[in-house]
Amino acid sequence: MKNEDITNERMFIIRDFLDEFYNKTVFRDGDKSGANISPSLIKFLFAFTDPDLEYPIGEIGRNARVKRSTITDMVDRMEKDKIAERMRDTEDRRIVKVRLTAKGKKMRKDFYKRRREEFLEIFEQLGNKDTSCFISHLNEALKILRQIT
């Protein structure tokens, strides 16, 4: 098999995995709950490792794994949608921090709860042995992905 054919085959496997994973989690059983929450909003909400704390914009960007310019735009959108709010640091007014509003905290909590319930259902369908195998393989795939620069 030629290198080009091997690469194409690998790309199809990755595409099929991502499609299947997305369909089994986000659009499970035709349920579109949560589909109105964009991936960038999910990244933003979970960049607040503690939803009750305020964080400097740079830290939110690092936690969300996005560029500084991207996180600034995200904060602008989230502030406009009343999901987050900016404030000046009380000790150093040059530092701008961001915190989730009550609306943002609720969105984060509801999304997490819904996803947790969905994954519990999936894990029940798989059983303990297959769930352990699945999680183990995902963990190994994650380790490999983290080696890519």
N, C-alpha and C. Protein backbone atom coordinates (compact mmCIF):
# COMPACT_ATOMS: atom_id res chain seq x y z
N MET A 1 0.84 -1.18 0.00
CA MET A 1 0.00 0.00 0.00
C MET A 1 0.89 1.25 0.00
N LYS A 2 0.55 2.22 -0.84
CA LYS A 2 1.33 3.44 -0.94
C LYS A 2 1.08 4.34 0.27
N ASN A 3 2.07 5.21 0.55
CA ASN A 3 1.94 6.14 1.68
C ASN A 3 0.68 7.00 1.57
N GLU A 4 0.36 7.44 0.37
CA GLU A 4 -0.83 8.27 0.17
C GLU A 4 -2.09 7.50 0.55
N ASP A 5 -2.15 6.22 0.17
CA ASP A 5 -3.31 5.39 0.50
C ASP A 5 -3.40 5.15 2.01
N ILE A 6 -2.27 4.93 2.64
CA ILE A 6 -2.26 4.73 4.09
C ILE A 6 -2.74 5.99 4.81
N THR A 7 -2.26 7.15 4.35
CA THR A 7 -2.69 8.42 4.95
C THR A 7 -4.18 8.62 4.77
N ASN A 8 -4.70 8.35 3.58
CA ASN A 8 -6.14 8.49 3.33
C ASN A 8 -6.93 7.56 4.24
N GLU A 9 -6.49 6.34 4.38
CA GLU A 9 -7.18 5.37 5.24
C GLU A 9 -7.19 5.85 6.69
N ARG A 10 -6.08 6.37 7.16
CA ARG A 10 -6.00 6.89 8.53
C ARG A 10 -6.93 8.09 8.73
N MET A 11 -6.97 8.96 7.71
CA MET A 11 -7.84 10.14 7.81
C MET A 11 -9.31 9.72 7.90
N PHE A 12 -9.69 8.70 7.13
CA PHE A 12 -11.08 8.22 7.19
C PHE A 12 -11.40 7.62 8.55
N ILE A 13 -10.47 6.92 9.14
CA ILE A 13 -10.69 6.34 10.47
C ILE A 13 -10.88 7.44 11.51
N ILE A 14 -10.03 8.47 11.44
CA ILE A 14 -10.15 9.59 12.38
C ILE A 14 -11.48 10.31 12.16
N ARG A 15 -11.82 10.58 10.92
CA ARG A 15 -13.09 11.25 10.61
C ARG A 15 -14.27 10.43 11.12
N ASP A 16 -14.25 9.13 10.84
CA ASP A 16 -15.36 8.28 11.27
C ASP A 16 -15.46 8.22 12.80
N PHE A 17 -14.31 8.17 13.47
CA PHE A 17 -14.33 8.16 14.93
C PHE A 17 -14.95 9.44 15.46
N LEU A 18 -14.48 10.58 14.96
CA LEU A 18 -15.00 11.86 15.44
C LEU A 18 -16.49 12.00 15.15
N ASP A 19 -16.92 11.61 13.95
CA ASP A 19 -18.35 11.67 13.62
C ASP A 19 -19.16 10.78 14.56
N GLU A 20 -18.70 9.58 14.75
CA GLU A 20 -19.42 8.62 15.60
C GLU A 20 -19.46 9.11 17.05
N PHE A 21 -18.34 9.58 17.54
CA PHE A 21 -18.28 10.08 18.92
C PHE A 21 -19.23 11.27 19.09
N TYR A 22 -19.18 12.20 18.16
CA TYR A 22 -20.04 13.39 18.22
C TYR A 22 -21.52 12.98 18.16
N ASN A 23 -21.86 12.08 17.25
CA ASN A 23 -23.24 11.64 17.11
C ASN A 23 -23.74 10.87 18.33
N LYS A 24 -22.86 10.12 18.97
CA LYS A 24 -23.26 9.33 20.14
C LYS A 24 -23.30 10.16 21.42
N THR A 25 -22.71 11.34 21.39
CA THR A 25 -22.70 12.15 22.61
C THR A 25 -23.57 13.40 22.44
N VAL A 26 -23.26 14.26 21.51
CA VAL A 26 -23.99 15.52 21.38
C VAL A 26 -25.37 15.31 20.78
N PHE A 27 -25.46 14.50 19.72
CA PHE A 27 -26.75 14.29 19.07
C PHE A 27 -27.31 12.91 19.36
N ARG A 28 -27.09 12.43 20.54
CA ARG A 28 -27.55 11.11 20.94
C ARG A 28 -29.06 10.99 20.81
N ASP A 29 -29.52 9.93 20.17
CA ASP A 29 -30.94 9.65 19.99
C ASP A 29 -31.70 10.84 19.41
N GLY A 30 -31.04 11.61 18.56
CA GLY A 30 -31.69 12.75 17.95
C GLY A 30 -31.90 13.92 18.90
N ASP A 31 -31.42 13.79 20.13
CA ASP A 31 -31.58 14.86 21.11
C ASP A 31 -30.61 15.97 20.78
N LYS A 32 -31.13 17.13 20.52
CA LYS A 32 -30.28 18.25 20.16
C LYS A 32 -30.05 19.17 21.36
N SER A 33 -30.35 18.70 22.56
CA SER A 33 -30.12 19.53 23.74
C SER A 33 -28.64 19.82 23.85
N GLY A 34 -28.33 21.04 24.03
CA GLY A 34 -26.93 21.41 24.13
C GLY A 34 -26.32 21.74 22.78
N ALA A 35 -27.02 21.44 21.69
CA ALA A 35 -26.47 21.73 20.37
C ALA A 35 -26.39 23.23 20.13
N ASN A 36 -27.18 23.99 20.90
CA ASN A 36 -27.15 25.44 20.75
C ASN A 36 -25.95 26.05 21.46
N ILE A 37 -25.20 25.23 22.16
CA ILE A 37 -23.99 25.71 22.82
C ILE A 37 -22.81 25.37 21.92
N SER A 38 -22.14 26.41 21.45
CA SER A 38 -21.04 26.21 20.51
C SER A 38 -19.81 25.65 21.23
N PRO A 39 -18.94 25.00 20.48
CA PRO A 39 -17.70 24.52 21.08
C PRO A 39 -16.89 25.64 21.74
N SER A 40 -16.90 26.83 21.14
CA SER A 40 -16.13 27.92 21.75
C SER A 40 -16.75 28.36 23.07
N LEU A 41 -18.08 28.32 23.17
CA LEU A 41 -18.73 28.66 24.43
C LEU A 41 -18.41 27.61 25.49
N ILE A 42 -18.40 26.35 25.10
CA ILE A 42 -18.05 25.28 26.04
C ILE A 42 -16.62 25.47 26.55
N LYS A 43 -15.70 25.75 25.63
CA LYS A 43 -14.31 26.00 26.03
C LYS A 43 -14.23 27.17 27.01
N PHE A 44 -14.98 28.23 26.70
CA PHE A 44 -14.97 29.41 27.55
C PHE A 44 -15.52 29.09 28.94
N LEU A 45 -16.67 28.45 29.01
CA LEU A 45 -17.29 28.15 30.30
C LEU A 45 -16.39 27.29 31.18
N PHE A 46 -15.70 26.34 30.56
CA PHE A 46 -14.88 25.42 31.35
C PHE A 46 -13.43 25.91 31.51
N ALA A 47 -13.12 27.08 30.95
CA ALA A 47 -11.83 27.72 31.23
C ALA A 47 -11.81 28.25 32.66
N PHE A 48 -12.98 28.43 33.23
CA PHE A 48 -13.11 28.81 34.64
C PHE A 48 -13.08 27.52 35.44
N THR A 49 -11.89 27.13 35.87
CA THR A 49 -11.77 25.86 36.59
C THR A 49 -12.60 25.88 37.87
N ASP A 50 -12.74 27.04 38.47
CA ASP A 50 -13.68 27.24 39.57
C ASP A 50 -14.63 28.34 39.10
N PRO A 51 -15.88 27.99 38.85
CA PRO A 51 -16.81 28.98 38.28
C PRO A 51 -17.13 30.15 39.21
N ASP A 52 -16.75 30.04 40.47
CA ASP A 52 -17.02 31.12 41.42
C ASP A 52 -15.89 32.12 41.54
N LEU A 53 -14.78 31.86 40.84
CA LEU A 53 -13.63 32.77 40.93
C LEU A 53 -13.53 33.64 39.69
N GLU A 54 -12.79 34.73 39.82
CA GLU A 54 -12.49 35.60 38.67
C GLU A 54 -11.06 35.32 38.24
N TYR A 55 -10.82 35.41 36.93
CA TYR A 55 -9.51 35.06 36.38
C TYR A 55 -9.03 36.16 35.45
N PRO A 56 -7.70 36.36 35.40
CA PRO A 56 -7.16 37.26 34.37
C PRO A 56 -7.45 36.68 32.98
N ILE A 57 -7.63 37.55 32.02
CA ILE A 57 -7.97 37.10 30.67
C ILE A 57 -6.93 36.12 30.13
N GLY A 58 -5.65 36.38 30.38
CA GLY A 58 -4.60 35.49 29.88
C GLY A 58 -4.73 34.08 30.43
N GLU A 59 -5.11 33.95 31.69
CA GLU A 59 -5.28 32.62 32.30
C GLU A 59 -6.48 31.89 31.69
N ILE A 60 -7.54 32.62 31.43
CA ILE A 60 -8.71 32.01 30.78
C ILE A 60 -8.31 31.50 29.40
N GLY A 61 -7.54 32.30 28.67
CA GLY A 61 -7.07 31.89 27.34
C GLY A 61 -6.23 30.63 27.41
N ARG A 62 -5.32 30.57 28.39
CA ARG A 62 -4.49 29.36 28.55
C ARG A 62 -5.36 28.16 28.91
N ASN A 63 -6.31 28.35 29.82
CA ASN A 63 -7.19 27.25 30.21
C ASN A 63 -8.06 26.77 29.05
N ALA A 64 -8.49 27.71 28.20
CA ALA A 64 -9.32 27.36 27.05
C ALA A 64 -8.47 26.93 25.86
N ARG A 65 -7.15 27.13 25.98
CA ARG A 65 -6.19 26.78 24.93
C ARG A 65 -6.47 27.54 23.64
N VAL A 66 -6.65 28.86 23.80
CA VAL A 66 -6.85 29.73 22.65
C VAL A 66 -5.88 30.91 22.73
N LYS A 67 -5.67 31.56 21.60
CA LYS A 67 -4.76 32.70 21.53
C LYS A 67 -5.34 33.90 22.28
N ARG A 68 -4.44 34.80 22.64
CA ARG A 68 -4.84 36.01 23.37
C ARG A 68 -5.91 36.80 22.61
N SER A 69 -5.72 36.98 21.31
CA SER A 69 -6.70 37.74 20.52
C SER A 69 -8.04 37.01 20.49
N THR A 70 -8.02 35.70 20.45
CA THR A 70 -9.25 34.92 20.41
C THR A 70 -10.00 35.03 21.73
N ILE A 71 -9.28 34.95 22.85
CA ILE A 71 -9.96 35.01 24.14
C ILE A 71 -10.55 36.40 24.36
N THR A 72 -9.88 37.43 23.88
CA THR A 72 -10.42 38.79 24.02
C THR A 72 -11.75 38.90 23.27
N ASP A 73 -11.79 38.36 22.05
CA ASP A 73 -13.05 38.35 21.29
C ASP A 73 -14.12 37.52 21.99
N MET A 74 -13.71 36.37 22.55
CA MET A 74 -14.66 35.53 23.27
C MET A 74 -15.24 36.28 24.47
N VAL A 75 -14.38 36.94 25.23
CA VAL A 75 -14.85 37.68 26.40
C VAL A 75 -15.81 38.78 25.95
N ASP A 76 -15.49 39.47 24.85
CA ASP A 76 -16.39 40.50 24.33
C ASP A 76 -17.78 39.92 24.06
N ARG A 77 -17.82 38.77 23.36
CA ARG A 77 -19.10 38.13 23.03
C ARG A 77 -19.83 37.68 24.29
N MET A 78 -19.10 37.08 25.23
CA MET A 78 -19.73 36.57 26.45
C MET A 78 -20.24 37.71 27.33
N GLU A 79 -19.52 38.81 27.30
CA GLU A 79 -19.97 39.97 28.07
C GLU A 79 -21.24 40.55 27.43
N LYS A 80 -21.25 40.62 26.12
CA LYS A 80 -22.42 41.12 25.40
C LYS A 80 -23.65 40.25 25.68
N ASP A 81 -23.43 38.93 25.78
CA ASP A 81 -24.52 37.98 26.04
C ASP A 81 -24.80 37.79 27.53
N LYS A 82 -24.12 38.58 28.35
CA LYS A 82 -24.32 38.57 29.81
C LYS A 82 -23.97 37.21 30.44
N ILE A 83 -22.97 36.53 29.84
CA ILE A 83 -22.49 35.26 30.36
C ILE A 83 -21.29 35.49 31.28
N ALA A 84 -20.57 36.57 31.02
CA ALA A 84 -19.39 36.92 31.81
C ALA A 84 -19.32 38.43 31.93
N GLU A 85 -18.48 38.87 32.86
CA GLU A 85 -18.26 40.30 33.02
C GLU A 85 -16.81 40.56 33.38
N ARG A 86 -16.30 41.70 32.88
CA ARG A 86 -14.94 42.13 33.17
C ARG A 86 -14.95 42.99 34.42
N MET A 87 -13.81 43.00 35.11
CA MET A 87 -13.62 43.92 36.22
C MET A 87 -12.13 44.17 36.39
N ARG A 88 -11.80 45.26 37.00
CA ARG A 88 -10.40 45.59 37.30
C ARG A 88 -10.00 44.88 38.59
N ASP A 89 -8.76 44.43 38.62
CA ASP A 89 -8.21 43.84 39.83
C ASP A 89 -8.19 44.90 40.93
N THR A 90 -8.57 44.52 42.13
CA THR A 90 -8.64 45.50 43.23
C THR A 90 -7.26 45.96 43.68
N GLU A 91 -6.25 45.11 43.48
CA GLU A 91 -4.89 45.48 43.93
C GLU A 91 -4.06 46.13 42.83
N ASP A 92 -4.33 45.77 41.58
CA ASP A 92 -3.59 46.33 40.45
C ASP A 92 -4.59 46.64 39.35
N ARG A 93 -4.96 47.90 39.23
CA ARG A 93 -6.01 48.33 38.30
C ARG A 93 -5.65 48.08 36.83
N ARG A 94 -4.38 47.80 36.54
CA ARG A 94 -3.99 47.50 35.16
C ARG A 94 -4.44 46.11 34.74
N ILE A 95 -4.69 45.25 35.71
CA ILE A 95 -5.09 43.87 35.42
C ILE A 95 -6.60 43.78 35.28
N VAL A 96 -7.04 43.21 34.16
CA VAL A 96 -8.46 43.00 33.93
C VAL A 96 -8.77 41.53 34.20
N LYS A 97 -9.77 41.31 35.02
CA LYS A 97 -10.20 39.95 35.33
C LYS A 97 -11.60 39.74 34.78
N VAL A 98 -11.96 38.47 34.67
CA VAL A 98 -13.27 38.11 34.15
C VAL A 98 -13.89 37.09 35.10
N ARG A 99 -15.20 37.22 35.27
CA ARG A 99 -15.92 36.22 36.06
C ARG A 99 -17.21 35.87 35.34
N LEU A 100 -17.69 34.68 35.63
CA LEU A 100 -18.97 34.26 35.08
C LEU A 100 -20.10 34.96 35.82
N THR A 101 -21.12 35.34 35.10
CA THR A 101 -22.32 35.88 35.73
C THR A 101 -23.16 34.71 36.22
N ALA A 102 -24.25 35.01 36.87
CA ALA A 102 -25.17 33.94 37.31
C ALA A 102 -25.64 33.14 36.09
N LYS A 103 -25.91 33.84 34.99
CA LYS A 103 -26.33 33.17 33.75
C LYS A 103 -25.24 32.22 33.25
N GLY A 104 -23.98 32.69 33.26
CA GLY A 104 -22.87 31.85 32.81
C GLY A 104 -22.67 30.64 33.70
N LYS A 105 -22.78 30.83 35.01
CA LYS A 105 -22.63 29.71 35.95
C LYS A 105 -23.72 28.67 35.73
N LYS A 106 -24.95 29.14 35.50
CA LYS A 106 -26.06 28.23 35.27
C LYS A 106 -25.86 27.45 33.97
N MET A 107 -25.43 28.14 32.92
CA MET A 107 -25.17 27.46 31.65
C MET A 107 -24.13 26.37 31.82
N ARG A 108 -23.06 26.69 32.54
CA ARG A 108 -21.97 25.74 32.78
C ARG A 108 -22.47 24.54 33.56
N LYS A 109 -23.20 24.82 34.62
CA LYS A 109 -23.73 23.75 35.48
C LYS A 109 -24.71 22.86 34.73
N ASP A 110 -25.63 23.47 33.97
CA ASP A 110 -26.62 22.71 33.22
C ASP A 110 -25.97 21.86 32.14
N PHE A 111 -24.99 22.44 31.43
CA PHE A 111 -24.30 21.69 30.39
C PHE A 111 -23.58 20.49 30.99
N TYR A 112 -22.85 20.72 32.07
CA TYR A 112 -22.10 19.65 32.72
C TYR A 112 -23.04 18.55 33.20
N LYS A 113 -24.14 18.94 33.83
CA LYS A 113 -25.10 17.96 34.35
C LYS A 113 -25.67 17.11 33.22
N ARG A 114 -26.08 17.76 32.13
CA ARG A 114 -26.66 17.06 30.99
C ARG A 114 -25.65 16.09 30.38
N ARG A 115 -24.42 16.55 30.19
CA ARG A 115 -23.39 15.67 29.60
C ARG A 115 -23.06 14.50 30.53
N ARG A 116 -23.01 14.77 31.81
CA ARG A 116 -22.72 13.71 32.79
C ARG A 116 -23.80 12.63 32.72
N GLU A 117 -25.06 13.03 32.68
CA GLU A 117 -26.16 12.06 32.58
C GLU A 117 -26.07 11.25 31.29
N GLU A 118 -25.74 11.93 30.19
CA GLU A 118 -25.64 11.23 28.91
C GLU A 118 -24.50 10.22 28.93
N PHE A 119 -23.36 10.59 29.50
CA PHE A 119 -22.24 9.65 29.56
C PHE A 119 -22.53 8.50 30.51
N LEU A 120 -23.24 8.75 31.58
CA LEU A 120 -23.63 7.65 32.46
C LEU A 120 -24.49 6.64 31.71
N GLU A 121 -25.41 7.12 30.88
CA GLU A 121 -26.24 6.23 30.07
C GLU A 121 -25.38 5.42 29.10
N ILE A 122 -24.43 6.10 28.46
CA ILE A 122 -23.55 5.41 27.52
C ILE A 122 -22.74 4.34 28.24
N PHE A 123 -22.17 4.68 29.39
CA PHE A 123 -21.36 3.73 30.13
C PHE A 123 -22.19 2.54 30.60
N GLU A 124 -23.46 2.78 30.97
CA GLU A 124 -24.33 1.67 31.36
C GLU A 124 -24.57 0.73 30.20
N GLN A 125 -24.73 1.29 28.99
CA GLN A 125 -24.92 0.45 27.80
C GLN A 125 -23.69 -0.39 27.51
N LEU A 126 -22.52 0.19 27.74
CA LEU A 126 -21.28 -0.52 27.43
C LEU A 126 -20.94 -1.58 28.47
N GLY A 127 -21.27 -1.33 29.70
CA GLY A 127 -20.86 -2.23 30.77
C GLY A 127 -19.47 -1.85 31.27
N ASN A 128 -19.09 -2.40 32.40
CA ASN A 128 -17.82 -2.03 33.05
C ASN A 128 -16.60 -2.36 32.21
N LYS A 129 -16.57 -3.56 31.64
CA LYS A 129 -15.38 -4.01 30.89
C LYS A 129 -15.15 -3.11 29.66
N ASP A 130 -16.18 -2.91 28.86
CA ASP A 130 -16.03 -2.08 27.65
C ASP A 130 -15.78 -0.62 28.00
N THR A 131 -16.42 -0.13 29.06
CA THR A 131 -16.18 1.25 29.49
C THR A 131 -14.72 1.43 29.89
N SER A 132 -14.19 0.50 30.67
CA SER A 132 -12.78 0.58 31.08
C SER A 132 -11.86 0.54 29.88
N CYS A 133 -12.16 -0.33 28.94
CA CYS A 133 -11.35 -0.44 27.72
C CYS A 133 -11.42 0.85 26.92
N PHE A 134 -12.62 1.39 26.74
CA PHE A 134 -12.82 2.62 26.00
C PHE A 134 -12.05 3.78 26.61
N ILE A 135 -12.18 3.95 27.92
CA ILE A 135 -11.50 5.04 28.62
C ILE A 135 -9.99 4.85 28.56
N SER A 136 -9.53 3.65 28.70
CA SER A 136 -8.10 3.36 28.62
C SER A 136 -7.54 3.73 27.25
N HIS A 137 -8.25 3.35 26.19
CA HIS A 137 -7.80 3.66 24.84
C HIS A 137 -7.85 5.17 24.56
N LEU A 138 -8.89 5.84 25.06
CA LEU A 138 -8.95 7.29 24.90
C LEU A 138 -7.79 7.96 25.63
N ASN A 139 -7.47 7.47 26.80
CA ASN A 139 -6.35 8.02 27.57
C ASN A 139 -5.04 7.83 26.81
N GLU A 140 -4.84 6.68 26.22
CA GLU A 140 -3.64 6.42 25.42
C GLU A 140 -3.62 7.34 24.19
N ALA A 141 -4.77 7.52 23.53
CA ALA A 141 -4.84 8.41 22.37
C ALA A 141 -4.52 9.84 22.79
N LEU A 142 -5.00 10.25 23.95
CA LEU A 142 -4.71 11.59 24.46
C LEU A 142 -3.21 11.78 24.68
N LYS A 143 -2.56 10.79 25.26
CA LYS A 143 -1.12 10.87 25.47
C LYS A 143 -0.37 11.04 24.14
N ILE A 144 -0.82 10.30 23.14
CA ILE A 144 -0.19 10.39 21.82
C ILE A 144 -0.44 11.77 21.21
N LEU A 145 -1.68 12.27 21.29
CA LEU A 145 -1.99 13.58 20.74
C LEU A 145 -1.16 14.68 21.40
N ARG A 146 -0.90 14.55 22.68
CA ARG A 146 -0.13 15.57 23.39
C ARG A 146 1.33 15.60 22.96
N GLN A 147 1.80 14.57 22.28
CA GLN A 147 3.17 14.54 21.78
C GLN A 147 3.30 15.36 20.49
N ILE A 148 2.18 15.63 19.84
CA ILE A 148 2.19 16.38 18.58
C ILE A 148 2.37 17.86 18.88
N THR A 149 3.32 18.48 18.20
CA THR A 149 3.56 19.91 18.44
C THR A 149 2.89 20.77 17.40
